[in-house]
């Protein structure tokens, strides 16, 4: 009988939530955004780390890929920019069944150069990692997986480099406007006409801010990277041109019940009614 060893125990999640946005960057470390991720990198683990805001795919302790529902993936970025026709992307994706295989088919077909693929891949990875490594209310879960194929077309990134980039983005956004809630709430212009100094990119954000869309929704609608959209949102909020919709009006209070009748008055009324009935 073959004995299968259990995977090593994962570290306890750090529940400290009050670190300054750039503290890890000042310390010159990865920032400890996820002790579990740091431990997995040291173990050179392979698999997927699932967190509340997204997932990180590891190969030998390196981050091979990241995805988040709040950030456009590499396929959206490539097809929206016109670098790859949408039908070619979906044909390759359906044939390969995974992202590395899709990338390999597009490279072989001449639709992409390796440099363009790597740049787009890193943009998508860092955008998704920003959300995947955001503070969360629940611990992450790691699923061990088989080792990836050797010499894949997508470059892997050290965990420390990913964490440093996430901290750098947090610090930049914090300097522009110190409220991370803007990353995921509906947005609405504060004035019907944009100011003259608004850039074309900012005007496009304002045009899509309808009180329902969030910053990630706006990035997805444009087929653009989400981090530059977050930057423009913070700048617009700081300029007083963008905000959140007003809260819905409070529901009308139900009519109050009539005050209770004094029991003595009620007794006198019943006696009077009885006398009138005689």
C-alpha atoms as a PDB file:
ATOM      1  CA  UNK A   1       0.000   0.000   0.000  1.00  0.00           C
ATOM      2  CA  UNK A   2       1.372   3.386  -0.967  1.00  0.00           C
ATOM      3  CA  UNK A   3       1.402   5.947   1.790  1.00  0.00           C
ATOM      4  CA  UNK A   4       0.594   9.458   0.548  1.00  0.00           C
ATOM      5  CA  UNK A   5       2.057  12.144   2.735  1.00  0.00           C
ATOM      6  CA  UNK A   6      -0.216  15.049   3.595  1.00  0.00           C
ATOM      7  CA  UNK A   7       0.882  18.471   2.337  1.00  0.00           C
ATOM      8  CA  UNK A   8       2.757  20.567   4.908  1.00  0.00           C
ATOM      9  CA  UNK A   9       0.604  22.669   7.256  1.00  0.00           C
ATOM     10  CA  UNK A  10      -0.138  26.155   6.039  1.00  0.00           C
ATOM     11  CA  UNK A  11       0.617  29.218   8.170  1.00  0.00           C
ATOM     12  CA  UNK A  12      -1.949  30.928  10.332  1.00  0.00           C
ATOM     13  CA  UNK A  13      -3.522  33.904   8.634  1.00  0.00           C
ATOM     14  CA  UNK A  14      -2.339  37.308   9.873  1.00  0.00           C
ATOM     15  CA  UNK A  15      -5.358  39.231  11.063  1.00  0.00           C
ATOM     16  CA  UNK A  16      -3.590  42.577  11.524  1.00  0.00           C
ATOM     17  CA  UNK A  17      -5.520  45.048   9.413  1.00  0.00           C
ATOM     18  CA  UNK A  18      -4.067  48.481  10.281  1.00  0.00           C
ATOM     19  CA  UNK A  19      -0.745  48.558   8.465  1.00  0.00           C
ATOM     20  CA  UNK A  20      -0.008  51.750   6.551  1.00  0.00           C
ATOM     21  CA  UNK A  21      -0.391  51.334   2.771  1.00  0.00           C
ATOM     22  CA  UNK A  22       3.339  51.760   2.082  1.00  0.00           C
ATOM     23  CA  UNK A  23       4.762  50.230   5.261  1.00  0.00           C
ATOM     24  CA  UNK A  24       5.918  47.065   3.555  1.00  0.00           C
ATOM     25  CA  UNK A  25       7.543  49.047   0.767  1.00  0.00           C
ATOM     26  CA  UNK A  26       9.484  51.115   3.326  1.00  0.00           C
ATOM     27  CA  UNK A  27      10.677  47.943   5.005  1.00  0.00           C
ATOM     28  CA  UNK A  28      11.972  46.661   1.682  1.00  0.00           C
ATOM     29  CA  UNK A  29      10.119  43.351   1.949  1.00  0.00           C
ATOM     30  CA  UNK A  30       7.143  41.783   0.295  1.00  0.00           C
ATOM     31  CA  UNK A  31       5.024  43.365   3.007  1.00  0.00           C
ATOM     32  CA  UNK A  32       3.555  40.171   4.426  1.00  0.00           C
ATOM     33  CA  UNK A  33       0.345  40.630   2.464  1.00  0.00           C
ATOM     34  CA  UNK A  34      -0.343  36.916   2.779  1.00  0.00           C
ATOM     35  CA  UNK A  35       1.682  34.775   5.197  1.00  0.00           C
ATOM     36  CA  UNK A  36       0.256  31.737   3.448  1.00  0.00           C
ATOM     37  CA  UNK A  37       1.605  32.945   0.109  1.00  0.00           C
ATOM     38  CA  UNK A  38       5.027  33.637   1.654  1.00  0.00           C
ATOM     39  CA  UNK A  39       5.130  30.118   3.090  1.00  0.00           C
ATOM     40  CA  UNK A  40       4.069  28.571  -0.209  1.00  0.00           C
ATOM     41  CA  UNK A  41       6.810  30.475  -2.018  1.00  0.00           C
ATOM     42  CA  UNK A  42       9.400  29.187   0.464  1.00  0.00           C
ATOM     43  CA  UNK A  43       8.131  25.629  -0.047  1.00  0.00           C
ATOM     44  CA  UNK A  44       8.197  26.048  -3.843  1.00  0.00           C
ATOM     45  CA  UNK A  45       4.610  24.837  -3.905  1.00  0.00           C
ATOM     46  CA  UNK A  46       2.566  24.325  -7.036  1.00  0.00           C
ATOM     47  CA  UNK A  47      -1.177  24.863  -7.154  1.00  0.00           C
ATOM     48  CA  UNK A  48      -3.718  27.663  -6.789  1.00  0.00           C
ATOM     49  CA  UNK A  49      -4.254  29.983  -3.824  1.00  0.00           C
ATOM     50  CA  UNK A  50      -7.906  31.065  -3.723  1.00  0.00           C
ATOM     51  CA  UNK A  51      -8.747  34.228  -1.822  1.00  0.00           C
ATOM     52  CA  UNK A  52     -11.841  36.389  -1.511  1.00  0.00           C
ATOM     53  CA  UNK A  53     -10.748  38.802  -4.263  1.00  0.00           C
ATOM     54  CA  UNK A  54      -9.230  36.355  -6.725  1.00  0.00           C
ATOM     55  CA  UNK A  55      -6.741  33.537  -7.204  1.00  0.00           C
ATOM     56  CA  UNK A  56      -2.989  33.161  -7.648  1.00  0.00           C
ATOM     57  CA  UNK A  57      -1.581  30.219  -9.615  1.00  0.00           C
ATOM     58  CA  UNK A  58       1.811  29.045  -8.377  1.00  0.00           C
ATOM     59  CA  UNK A  59       4.455  26.957 -10.091  1.00  0.00           C
ATOM     60  CA  UNK A  60       7.461  25.962  -7.973  1.00  0.00           C
ATOM     61  CA  UNK A  61       6.702  28.830  -5.594  1.00  0.00           C
ATOM     62  CA  UNK A  62       6.481  31.463  -8.355  1.00  0.00           C
ATOM     63  CA  UNK A  63       3.320  33.251  -9.447  1.00  0.00           C
ATOM     64  CA  UNK A  64       2.506  32.002 -12.914  1.00  0.00           C
ATOM     65  CA  UNK A  65      -0.894  33.647 -13.321  1.00  0.00           C
ATOM     66  CA  UNK A  66      -3.488  35.613 -11.350  1.00  0.00           C
ATOM     67  CA  UNK A  67      -7.153  36.182 -11.955  1.00  0.00           C
ATOM     68  CA  UNK A  68      -9.909  38.204 -10.318  1.00  0.00           C
ATOM     69  CA  UNK A  69     -13.534  38.965 -11.202  1.00  0.00           C
ATOM     70  CA  UNK A  70     -12.605  42.638 -10.716  1.00  0.00           C
ATOM     71  CA  UNK A  71      -9.840  42.773 -13.331  1.00  0.00           C
ATOM     72  CA  UNK A  72      -9.971  42.077 -17.085  1.00  0.00           C
ATOM     73  CA  UNK A  73      -8.014  38.971 -18.008  1.00  0.00           C
ATOM     74  CA  UNK A  74      -5.353  38.667 -20.653  1.00  0.00           C
ATOM     75  CA  UNK A  75      -7.905  37.545 -23.239  1.00  0.00           C
ATOM     76  CA  UNK A  76     -10.047  40.648 -22.713  1.00  0.00           C
ATOM     77  CA  UNK A  77      -7.019  42.933 -22.931  1.00  0.00           C
ATOM     78  CA  UNK A  78      -5.691  41.320 -26.105  1.00  0.00           C
ATOM     79  CA  UNK A  79      -9.015  41.227 -27.942  1.00  0.00           C
ATOM     80  CA  UNK A  80     -10.224  44.672 -26.832  1.00  0.00           C
ATOM     81  CA  UNK A  81      -6.979  46.261 -27.991  1.00  0.00           C
ATOM     82  CA  UNK A  82      -7.231  44.540 -31.375  1.00  0.00           C
ATOM     83  CA  UNK A  83      -3.957  42.681 -30.876  1.00  0.00           C
ATOM     84  CA  UNK A  84      -5.774  39.378 -31.362  1.00  0.00           C
ATOM     85  CA  UNK A  85      -9.161  38.928 -33.083  1.00  0.00           C
ATOM     86  CA  UNK A  86     -11.763  37.666 -30.620  1.00  0.00           C
ATOM     87  CA  UNK A  87     -12.564  34.621 -32.758  1.00  0.00           C
ATOM     88  CA  UNK A  88      -8.893  33.614 -32.872  1.00  0.00           C
ATOM     89  CA  UNK A  89      -8.592  33.909 -29.099  1.00  0.00           C
ATOM     90  CA  UNK A  90     -11.664  31.801 -28.429  1.00  0.00           C
ATOM     91  CA  UNK A  91     -10.659  29.203 -31.010  1.00  0.00           C
ATOM     92  CA  UNK A  92      -7.239  28.842 -29.402  1.00  0.00           C
ATOM     93  CA  UNK A  93      -8.741  28.797 -25.907  1.00  0.00           C
ATOM     94  CA  UNK A  94     -11.255  26.122 -26.864  1.00  0.00           C
ATOM     95  CA  UNK A  95      -8.547  23.976 -28.442  1.00  0.00           C
ATOM     96  CA  UNK A  96      -5.954  24.332 -25.664  1.00  0.00           C
ATOM     97  CA  UNK A  97      -8.224  24.373 -22.634  1.00  0.00           C
ATOM     98  CA  UNK A  98      -5.866  26.441 -20.484  1.00  0.00           C
ATOM     99  CA  UNK A  99      -4.057  29.773 -20.579  1.00  0.00           C
ATOM    100  CA  UNK A 100      -0.505  28.533 -21.282  1.00  0.00           C
ATOM    101  CA  UNK A 101      -1.760  26.354 -24.129  1.00  0.00           C
ATOM    102  CA  UNK A 102      -3.805  29.218 -25.548  1.00  0.00           C
ATOM    103  CA  UNK A 103      -0.760  31.474 -25.467  1.00  0.00           C
ATOM    104  CA  UNK A 104       1.351  28.834 -27.191  1.00  0.00           C
ATOM    105  CA  UNK A 105      -1.164  28.445 -30.027  1.00  0.00           C
ATOM    106  CA  UNK A 106      -1.377  32.204 -30.572  1.00  0.00           C
ATOM    107  CA  UNK A 107       2.402  32.457 -30.672  1.00  0.00           C
ATOM    108  CA  UNK A 108       2.639  29.574 -33.133  1.00  0.00           C
ATOM    109  CA  UNK A 109      -0.028  31.150 -35.330  1.00  0.00           C
ATOM    110  CA  UNK A 110       1.827  34.439 -35.501  1.00  0.00           C
ATOM    111  CA  UNK A 111      -0.923  36.416 -33.761  1.00  0.00           C
ATOM    112  CA  UNK A 112       1.407  37.582 -31.012  1.00  0.00           C
ATOM    113  CA  UNK A 113       5.086  38.179 -30.453  1.00  0.00           C
ATOM    114  CA  UNK A 114       6.548  36.764 -27.274  1.00  0.00           C
ATOM    115  CA  UNK A 115       7.367  40.276 -26.010  1.00  0.00           C
ATOM    116  CA  UNK A 116       3.772  41.497 -26.512  1.00  0.00           C
ATOM    117  CA  UNK A 117       2.441  38.383 -24.815  1.00  0.00           C
ATOM    118  CA  UNK A 118       4.701  38.788 -21.793  1.00  0.00           C
ATOM    119  CA  UNK A 119       3.856  42.473 -21.348  1.00  0.00           C
ATOM    120  CA  UNK A 120       0.114  41.838 -21.531  1.00  0.00           C
ATOM    121  CA  UNK A 121       0.449  38.841 -19.226  1.00  0.00           C
ATOM    122  CA  UNK A 122       2.271  40.856 -16.562  1.00  0.00           C
ATOM    123  CA  UNK A 123      -0.264  43.699 -16.767  1.00  0.00           C
ATOM    124  CA  UNK A 124      -3.129  41.252 -16.253  1.00  0.00           C
ATOM    125  CA  UNK A 125      -1.280  39.404 -13.479  1.00  0.00           C
ATOM    126  CA  UNK A 126      -0.545  42.535 -11.432  1.00  0.00           C
ATOM    127  CA  UNK A 127      -4.042  43.946 -11.902  1.00  0.00           C
ATOM    128  CA  UNK A 128      -5.625  40.717 -10.668  1.00  0.00           C
ATOM    129  CA  UNK A 129      -3.107  40.343  -7.824  1.00  0.00           C
ATOM    130  CA  UNK A 130      -4.048  43.812  -6.537  1.00  0.00           C
ATOM    131  CA  UNK A 131      -7.546  42.497  -5.793  1.00  0.00           C
ATOM    132  CA  UNK A 132      -6.555  38.934  -4.911  1.00  0.00           C
ATOM    133  CA  UNK A 133      -4.204  40.183  -2.177  1.00  0.00           C
ATOM    134  CA  UNK A 134      -6.590  42.819  -0.821  1.00  0.00           C
ATOM    135  CA  UNK A 135      -7.565  42.557   2.866  1.00  0.00           C
ATOM    136  CA  UNK A 136     -10.363  40.039   3.203  1.00  0.00           C
ATOM    137  CA  UNK A 137     -12.790  38.776   5.788  1.00  0.00           C
ATOM    138  CA  UNK A 138     -12.032  35.099   5.175  1.00  0.00           C
ATOM    139  CA  UNK A 139      -8.806  33.045   4.994  1.00  0.00           C
ATOM    140  CA  UNK A 140      -7.351  31.815   1.736  1.00  0.00           C
ATOM    141  CA  UNK A 141      -7.388  28.196   0.599  1.00  0.00           C
ATOM    142  CA  UNK A 142      -4.577  26.500  -1.285  1.00  0.00           C
ATOM    143  CA  UNK A 143      -5.165  23.579  -3.607  1.00  0.00           C
ATOM    144  CA  UNK A 144      -2.028  21.628  -4.500  1.00  0.00           C
ATOM    145  CA  UNK A 145      -1.777  20.753  -8.150  1.00  0.00           C
ATOM    146  CA  UNK A 146       0.478  18.918 -10.614  1.00  0.00           C
ATOM    147  CA  UNK A 147       3.688  20.624 -11.767  1.00  0.00           C
ATOM    148  CA  UNK A 148       3.304  22.759 -14.895  1.00  0.00           C
ATOM    149  CA  UNK A 149       4.856  21.796 -18.164  1.00  0.00           C
ATOM    150  CA  UNK A 150       8.456  22.837 -18.562  1.00  0.00           C
ATOM    151  CA  UNK A 151       9.361  25.945 -20.557  1.00  0.00           C
ATOM    152  CA  UNK A 152       5.864  27.435 -20.667  1.00  0.00           C
ATOM    153  CA  UNK A 153       5.207  30.580 -22.706  1.00  0.00           C
ATOM    154  CA  UNK A 154       4.129  32.733 -19.727  1.00  0.00           C
ATOM    155  CA  UNK A 155       6.818  34.183 -17.449  1.00  0.00           C
ATOM    156  CA  UNK A 156       6.542  33.380 -13.744  1.00  0.00           C
ATOM    157  CA  UNK A 157       7.068  36.135 -11.171  1.00  0.00           C
ATOM    158  CA  UNK A 158       8.559  35.825  -7.664  1.00  0.00           C
ATOM    159  CA  UNK A 159       6.044  36.277  -4.856  1.00  0.00           C
ATOM    160  CA  UNK A 160       8.092  39.113  -3.337  1.00  0.00           C
ATOM    161  CA  UNK A 161       7.930  41.029  -6.625  1.00  0.00           C
ATOM    162  CA  UNK A 162       4.152  40.606  -6.825  1.00  0.00           C
ATOM    163  CA  UNK A 163       3.674  41.803  -3.247  1.00  0.00           C
ATOM    164  CA  UNK A 164       5.958  44.813  -3.793  1.00  0.00           C
ATOM    165  CA  UNK A 165       3.953  45.814  -6.860  1.00  0.00           C
ATOM    166  CA  UNK A 166       0.667  45.489  -4.979  1.00  0.00           C
ATOM    167  CA  UNK A 167       2.035  47.662  -2.158  1.00  0.00           C
ATOM    168  CA  UNK A 168       3.313  50.230  -4.649  1.00  0.00           C
ATOM    169  CA  UNK A 169      -0.134  50.489  -6.203  1.00  0.00           C
ATOM    170  CA  UNK A 170      -1.829  50.795  -2.836  1.00  0.00           C
ATOM    171  CA  UNK A 171       0.541  53.598  -1.818  1.00  0.00           C
ATOM    172  CA  UNK A 172       0.004  55.506  -5.082  1.00  0.00           C
ATOM    173  CA  UNK A 173      -3.773  55.267  -4.863  1.00  0.00           C
ATOM    174  CA  UNK A 174      -3.667  56.244  -1.185  1.00  0.00           C
ATOM    175  CA  UNK A 175      -1.751  59.426  -2.054  1.00  0.00           C
ATOM    176  CA  UNK A 176      -4.293  60.352  -4.705  1.00  0.00           C
ATOM    177  CA  UNK A 177      -7.323  59.761  -2.445  1.00  0.00           C
ATOM    178  CA  UNK A 178      -7.117  57.732   0.785  1.00  0.00           C
ATOM    179  CA  UNK A 179     -10.270  55.658   0.505  1.00  0.00           C
ATOM    180  CA  UNK A 180      -9.934  52.114  -0.836  1.00  0.00           C
ATOM    181  CA  UNK A 181     -13.727  51.691  -0.785  1.00  0.00           C
ATOM    182  CA  UNK A 182     -13.780  53.553  -4.104  1.00  0.00           C
ATOM    183  CA  UNK A 183     -12.313  50.453  -5.742  1.00  0.00           C
ATOM    184  CA  UNK A 184     -15.631  48.634  -5.565  1.00  0.00           C
ATOM    185  CA  UNK A 185     -18.578  51.002  -5.089  1.00  0.00           C
ATOM    186  CA  UNK A 186     -20.925  52.474  -7.738  1.00  0.00           C
ATOM    187  CA  UNK A 187     -19.718  55.796  -9.110  1.00  0.00           C
ATOM    188  CA  UNK A 188     -21.591  58.862 -10.337  1.00  0.00           C
ATOM    189  CA  UNK A 189     -20.391  62.241 -11.687  1.00  0.00           C
ATOM    190  CA  UNK A 190     -21.029  65.099  -9.288  1.00  0.00           C
ATOM    191  CA  UNK A 191     -21.706  67.618 -12.091  1.00  0.00           C
ATOM    192  CA  UNK A 192     -23.541  67.161 -15.424  1.00  0.00           C
ATOM    193  CA  UNK A 193     -20.738  68.846 -17.391  1.00  0.00           C
ATOM    194  CA  UNK A 194     -17.106  67.875 -16.944  1.00  0.00           C
ATOM    195  CA  UNK A 195     -14.521  70.537 -16.136  1.00  0.00           C
ATOM    196  CA  UNK A 196     -12.339  71.830 -19.014  1.00  0.00           C
ATOM    197  CA  UNK A 197      -9.194  70.252 -17.567  1.00  0.00           C
ATOM    198  CA  UNK A 198     -10.530  66.701 -17.752  1.00  0.00           C
ATOM    199  CA  UNK A 199      -8.427  64.407 -19.928  1.00  0.00           C
ATOM    200  CA  UNK A 200      -9.885  62.159 -22.610  1.00  0.00           C
ATOM    201  CA  UNK A 201      -9.356  59.102 -20.420  1.00  0.00           C
ATOM    202  CA  UNK A 202     -11.070  60.799 -17.471  1.00  0.00           C
ATOM    203  CA  UNK A 203     -13.951  61.895 -19.695  1.00  0.00           C
ATOM    204  CA  UNK A 204     -14.412  58.269 -20.769  1.00  0.00           C
ATOM    205  CA  UNK A 205     -14.589  57.231 -17.107  1.00  0.00           C
ATOM    206  CA  UNK A 206     -17.145  59.939 -16.346  1.00  0.00           C
ATOM    207  CA  UNK A 207     -19.247  58.896 -19.338  1.00  0.00           C
ATOM    208  CA  UNK A 208     -19.534  55.343 -18.003  1.00  0.00           C
ATOM    209  CA  UNK A 209     -20.081  56.293 -14.354  1.00  0.00           C
ATOM    210  CA  UNK A 210     -23.849  55.891 -14.151  1.00  0.00           C
ATOM    211  CA  UNK A 211     -24.427  55.273 -10.465  1.00  0.00           C
ATOM    212  CA  UNK A 212     -24.392  51.502 -11.033  1.00  0.00           C
ATOM    213  CA  UNK A 213     -20.953  50.718 -12.479  1.00  0.00           C
ATOM    214  CA  UNK A 214     -17.914  50.400 -10.241  1.00  0.00           C
ATOM    215  CA  UNK A 215     -14.341  51.200 -11.295  1.00  0.00           C
ATOM    216  CA  UNK A 216     -13.723  47.543 -12.308  1.00  0.00           C
ATOM    217  CA  UNK A 217     -17.016  47.590 -14.248  1.00  0.00           C
ATOM    218  CA  UNK A 218     -15.842  50.684 -16.129  1.00  0.00           C
ATOM    219  CA  UNK A 219     -12.512  49.044 -16.948  1.00  0.00           C
ATOM    220  CA  UNK A 220     -14.289  45.907 -18.191  1.00  0.00           C
ATOM    221  CA  UNK A 221     -16.670  48.008 -20.328  1.00  0.00           C
ATOM    222  CA  UNK A 222     -13.678  49.715 -21.929  1.00  0.00           C
ATOM    223  CA  UNK A 223     -11.612  46.539 -22.227  1.00  0.00           C
ATOM    224  CA  UNK A 224      -8.807  48.381 -20.431  1.00  0.00           C
ATOM    225  CA  UNK A 225      -6.551  47.560 -17.530  1.00  0.00           C
ATOM    226  CA  UNK A 226      -8.202  48.201 -14.197  1.00  0.00           C
ATOM    227  CA  UNK A 227      -5.329  49.894 -12.344  1.00  0.00           C
ATOM    228  CA  UNK A 228      -5.153  52.974 -14.628  1.00  0.00           C
ATOM    229  CA  UNK A 229      -8.926  53.249 -14.225  1.00  0.00           C
ATOM    230  CA  UNK A 230      -8.542  53.197 -10.438  1.00  0.00           C
ATOM    231  CA  UNK A 231      -5.971  55.983 -10.737  1.00  0.00           C
ATOM    232  CA  UNK A 232      -8.305  58.167 -12.803  1.00  0.00           C
ATOM    233  CA  UNK A 233     -11.202  57.480 -10.432  1.00  0.00           C
ATOM    234  CA  UNK A 234      -9.175  58.660  -7.427  1.00  0.00           C
ATOM    235  CA  UNK A 235      -8.047  61.764  -9.305  1.00  0.00           C
ATOM    236  CA  UNK A 236     -11.601  62.608 -10.321  1.00  0.00           C
ATOM    237  CA  UNK A 237     -12.855  62.119  -6.777  1.00  0.00           C
ATOM    238  CA  UNK A 238     -10.060  64.333  -5.434  1.00  0.00           C
ATOM    239  CA  UNK A 239     -11.061  67.008  -7.983  1.00  0.00           C
ATOM    240  CA  UNK A 240     -14.682  66.844  -6.840  1.00  0.00           C
ATOM    241  CA  UNK A 241     -15.920  65.579 -10.200  1.00  0.00           C
ATOM    242  CA  UNK A 242     -16.845  62.029  -9.202  1.00  0.00           C
ATOM    243  CA  UNK A 243     -18.538  60.527  -6.195  1.00  0.00           C
ATOM    244  CA  UNK A 244     -20.948  57.865  -5.087  1.00  0.00           C
ATOM    245  CA  UNK A 245     -24.729  57.956  -5.537  1.00  0.00           C
ATOM    246  CA  UNK A 246     -26.715  59.388  -2.637  1.00  0.00           C
ATOM    247  CA  UNK A 247     -28.216  56.794  -0.326  1.00  0.00           C
ATOM    248  CA  UNK A 248     -31.775  55.775  -1.171  1.00  0.00           C
ATOM    249  CA  UNK A 249     -34.453  57.680   0.737  1.00  0.00           C
ATOM    250  CA  UNK A 250     -35.450  56.100   3.971  1.00  0.00           C
ATOM    251  CA  UNK A 251     -38.674  54.134   3.854  1.00  0.00           C
ATOM    252  CA  UNK A 252     -41.654  55.955   5.322  1.00  0.00           C
ATOM    253  CA  UNK A 253     -42.352  54.923   8.874  1.00  0.00           C
ATOM    254  CA  UNK A 254     -45.605  53.017   9.339  1.00  0.00           C
ATOM    255  CA  UNK A 255     -48.402  55.044  10.927  1.00  0.00           C
ATOM    256  CA  UNK A 256     -48.136  54.948  14.648  1.00  0.00           C
ATOM    257  CA  UNK A 257     -50.813  53.095  16.590  1.00  0.00           C
ATOM    258  CA  UNK A 258     -53.303  55.282  18.433  1.00  0.00           C
ATOM    259  CA  UNK A 259     -52.385  55.796  22.048  1.00  0.00           C
ATOM    260  CA  UNK A 260     -53.874  53.370  24.524  1.00  0.00           C
ATOM    261  CA  UNK A 261     -57.100  54.619  26.162  1.00  0.00           C
ATOM    262  CA  UNK A 262     -56.901  55.144  29.886  1.00  0.00           C
ATOM    263  CA  UNK A 263     -58.529  52.058  31.497  1.00  0.00           C
ATOM    264  CA  UNK A 264     -60.652  54.231  33.799  1.00  0.00           C
ATOM    265  CA  UNK A 265     -62.068  56.160  30.857  1.00  0.00           C
ATOM    266  CA  UNK A 266     -62.801  52.907  29.056  1.00  0.00           C
ATOM    267  CA  UNK A 267     -64.673  51.570  32.109  1.00  0.00           C
ATOM    268  CA  UNK A 268     -66.777  54.735  32.379  1.00  0.00           C
ATOM    269  CA  UNK A 269     -67.606  54.459  28.673  1.00  0.00           C
ATOM    270  CA  UNK A 270     -68.802  50.876  29.066  1.00  0.00           C
ATOM    271  CA  UNK A 271     -70.974  51.867  32.079  1.00  0.00           C
ATOM    272  CA  UNK A 272     -72.508  54.750  30.143  1.00  0.00           C
ATOM    273  CA  UNK A 273     -73.289  52.493  27.188  1.00  0.00           C
ATOM    274  CA  UNK A 274     -74.943  49.978  29.512  1.00  0.00           C
ATOM    275  CA  UNK A 275     -77.126  52.666  31.166  1.00  0.00           C
ATOM    276  CA  UNK A 276     -78.226  54.007  27.778  1.00  0.00           C
ATOM    277  CA  UNK A 277     -79.278  50.521  26.781  1.00  0.00           C
ATOM    278  CA  UNK A 278     -81.742  50.204  29.752  1.00  0.00           C
END
